[in-house]
Amino acid sequence: MTIDILQIGPMTARVESALADAYAVHRFWEAADPQALLREAGPKLRGVATSGDKGCSRAVIEALPALEIIANYGVGYDGVDVGACRERGVRVTNTPDVLNDAVAEMTLGMMLSLCRRIPQADRFVRDGRWGSKSGSGAFPLTGELTGKTVGILGLGRIGKEIARRCQAFKMQVVYHGRNRQEHEPFPFYADLTAMARDVDWLVVIAPGSAETQGLVSRQVMEALGPQGALVNVARGSLVDEPAMVEMLQTGALGAAALDVFTAEPSVPEALWSLENVVLSPHQGSATEKTRAAMGDLVVSNLAAHFAGRPLLTPVA
């Protein structure tokens, strides 16, 4: 008997093809009347396929009395109401590990772009200013990563990969998290503000949640200071974005490399013209290899559940 599932938003062609081959897929984002879709198809929908940015709300969960599993495309599942799932006995999965390398690579790429001013250097050459008699002829000197201290907020799977790469660039690594990890070689800071005061770079890679919202506060960024750089590859919600923008404009915060924002895809226009920022459209895991592996986990978790096998990557 065909199993009906709800797909909240678009996914890669590879995932959508696999889902269509295995299930009767109801495409929520394409419905002329999404609420009518929930009323009519809700009683038979046993699974949900969604992504970190689309999530799955309590309202949708409660509209699906037969719901058994939500498979989330992404390591972050803060958009899924896990509390509602636990109340109903609905399983939740995500796609960890397969994106660790891609996000860590992106982090170092953004750090290099920021400190070596790679976007500006590219523009300098393209504008014909290199060696131009009408210009300075030489690009200004930049900073470098070697010898700097990086503080990692969230030493989880991805945080550890970032730490290893920072060590390869001859940086000193320290970290802050909910708990000290006894077998990690990096110095631990119990206080985030104290760590920000002692580092040159602050990399944010903690999960997004109600508990972490605004964790990188004005106070933390003031401690990081006019010589410090903030890198956010986690969730925009972790940073006090209005304070960050103001401080970048005034120089109270030295620089920022941002792959995530509070109200994506909206990015504060004040950031567009700043030379002390590098901006990216949430591309941390956006490689062909990684996205294929993430999609395979979504499909495999659904298949395992409906076949009565253990889930590959359960979170609830």
Foldseek 3Di string as FASTA:
>chain_A
DAAEAEEAADADPLLVVLDVVRHNYDYQVPDPDNVVCLQPCQARHAEYEYEQVRAADLVSVVSRLNHAEYEYLAPARQSHPVVSCVVNNHWYFFQPDLLLVLLLVVQVVLVCCQQQVVVVVVVCVVVVVQCDPVHPNDDDGGGALAAFEEEEEACDSNVVSNVVVSVVSNYQYEYEYCDDDVPDPHHYDPDLLVVLLVGQEYEYAHHDHPVQFQVCDLSSQLSVFLRHEYEYLHEQRNHPVVSVLVCLVVSRHNAYEYQYHHDPPDDPPSPVPRSRYHYHPSCRRPDPSSSVSSSVLSSQQVVCVVVVHDRDGIDD
